[in-house]
C-alpha atoms as a PDB file:
ATOM      1  CA  MET A   1      -9.798  16.765  -6.753  1.00  0.00           C
ATOM      2  CA  SER A   2     -10.608  19.303  -4.083  1.00  0.00           C
ATOM      3  CA  GLU A   3     -14.156  19.714  -5.462  1.00  0.00           C
ATOM      4  CA  LEU A   4     -15.050  16.193  -4.302  1.00  0.00           C
ATOM      5  CA  HIS A   5     -16.848  15.593  -1.007  1.00  0.00           C
ATOM      6  CA  TRP A   6     -14.759  12.942   0.768  1.00  0.00           C
ATOM      7  CA  GLN A   7     -16.486  10.589   3.205  1.00  0.00           C
ATOM      8  CA  LYS A   8     -14.521   8.817   5.929  1.00  0.00           C
ATOM      9  CA  SER A   9     -15.001   5.109   6.535  1.00  0.00           C
ATOM     10  CA  SER A  10     -17.183   4.313   9.544  1.00  0.00           C
ATOM     11  CA  PHE A  11     -14.559   1.737  10.572  1.00  0.00           C
ATOM     12  CA  SER A  12     -11.888   4.430  10.979  1.00  0.00           C
ATOM     13  CA  GLY A  13     -10.949   5.971  14.291  1.00  0.00           C
ATOM     14  CA  SER A  14     -12.818   9.105  15.230  1.00  0.00           C
ATOM     15  CA  HIS A  15      -9.802  11.053  16.493  1.00  0.00           C
ATOM     16  CA  GLU A  16      -7.806  13.444  14.314  1.00  0.00           C
ATOM     17  CA  GLY A  17      -4.821  11.917  12.563  1.00  0.00           C
ATOM     18  CA  SER A  18      -6.153   8.376  12.386  1.00  0.00           C
ATOM     19  CA  SER A  19      -5.434   6.714   9.056  1.00  0.00           C
ATOM     20  CA  CYS A  20      -8.495   5.734   7.101  1.00  0.00           C
ATOM     21  CA  VAL A  21      -9.945   5.115   3.696  1.00  0.00           C
ATOM     22  CA  GLU A  22     -12.061   7.920   2.240  1.00  0.00           C
ATOM     23  CA  LEU A  23     -14.570   7.650  -0.615  1.00  0.00           C
ATOM     24  CA  ALA A  24     -16.033  10.298  -2.919  1.00  0.00           C
ATOM     25  CA  ALA A  25     -18.602  10.167  -5.705  1.00  0.00           C
ATOM     26  CA  GLY A  26     -17.461  11.797  -8.913  1.00  0.00           C
ATOM     27  CA  ALA A  27     -19.201  12.624 -12.146  1.00  0.00           C
ATOM     28  CA  ALA A  28     -21.559  10.001 -13.554  1.00  0.00           C
ATOM     29  CA  ASP A  29     -20.500   6.502 -12.483  1.00  0.00           C
ATOM     30  CA  VAL A  30     -17.019   7.287 -11.099  1.00  0.00           C
ATOM     31  CA  ARG A  31     -16.006   6.614  -7.492  1.00  0.00           C
ATOM     32  CA  HIS A  32     -12.744   7.809  -5.940  1.00  0.00           C
ATOM     33  CA  LEU A  33     -10.811   6.299  -3.032  1.00  0.00           C
ATOM     34  CA  ARG A  34      -7.862   7.668  -1.088  1.00  0.00           C
ATOM     35  CA  GLU A  35      -5.900   7.012   2.085  1.00  0.00           C
ATOM     36  CA  SER A  36      -6.231   9.865   4.562  1.00  0.00           C
ATOM     37  CA  ASP A  37      -2.511   9.994   5.358  1.00  0.00           C
ATOM     38  CA  ASP A  38      -1.668  10.617   1.659  1.00  0.00           C
ATOM     39  CA  PRO A  39      -4.726  12.353   0.131  1.00  0.00           C
ATOM     40  CA  SER A  40      -2.878  13.373  -3.043  1.00  0.00           C
ATOM     41  CA  VAL A  41      -2.985   9.751  -4.266  1.00  0.00           C
ATOM     42  CA  THR A  42      -6.403   8.575  -5.426  1.00  0.00           C
ATOM     43  CA  ILE A  43      -7.838   5.530  -7.150  1.00  0.00           C
ATOM     44  CA  SER A  44     -10.790   5.981  -9.489  1.00  0.00           C
ATOM     45  CA  THR A  45     -13.125   3.224 -10.607  1.00  0.00           C
ATOM     46  CA  SER A  46     -16.728   2.545 -11.584  1.00  0.00           C
ATOM     47  CA  THR A  47     -19.483   1.916  -9.066  1.00  0.00           C
ATOM     48  CA  ALA A  48     -19.915  -1.665 -10.305  1.00  0.00           C
ATOM     49  CA  LYS A  49     -16.204  -2.489  -9.978  1.00  0.00           C
ATOM     50  CA  LEU A  50     -16.006  -0.951  -6.515  1.00  0.00           C
ATOM     51  CA  ARG A  51     -19.092  -2.907  -5.432  1.00  0.00           C
ATOM     52  CA  ALA A  52     -17.585  -6.163  -6.756  1.00  0.00           C
ATOM     53  CA  PHE A  53     -14.310  -5.484  -4.919  1.00  0.00           C
ATOM     54  CA  LEU A  54     -16.052  -4.691  -1.621  1.00  0.00           C
ATOM     55  CA  LEU A  55     -18.289  -7.764  -1.814  1.00  0.00           C
ATOM     56  CA  SER A  56     -15.242  -9.938  -2.556  1.00  0.00           C
ATOM     57  CA  ALA A  57     -13.310  -8.436   0.361  1.00  0.00           C
ATOM     58  CA  LYS A  58     -16.252  -8.991   2.719  1.00  0.00           C
ATOM     59  CA  ALA A  59     -16.520 -12.600   1.508  1.00  0.00           C
ATOM     60  CA  GLY A  60     -12.846 -13.188   2.400  1.00  0.00           C
ATOM     61  CA  GLU A  61     -11.622 -13.744  -1.147  1.00  0.00           C
ATOM     62  CA  PHE A  62      -8.409 -11.786  -0.436  1.00  0.00           C
ATOM     63  CA  ASP A  63      -7.671 -13.208   3.025  1.00  0.00           C
ATOM     64  CA  HIS A  64      -4.861 -15.381   1.657  1.00  0.00           C
ATOM     65  CA  LEU A  65      -2.917 -12.204   0.772  1.00  0.00           C
ATOM     66  CA  THR A  66      -2.436 -11.171   4.402  1.00  0.00           C
END
């Protein structure tokens, strides 16, 4: 997936080596996520599913898991 343009989360540290979530837009409606400390592992999903997940996380729907 080296052809993808990975974007670092704005909530991640700015110094080199800080772990963060990165996001890339793929072909059509596909979005890719990866953790910066293990970039060989990616998760791919649709824009709508990613949006639903992010809205749910922001609303605290997964807080009971921590």
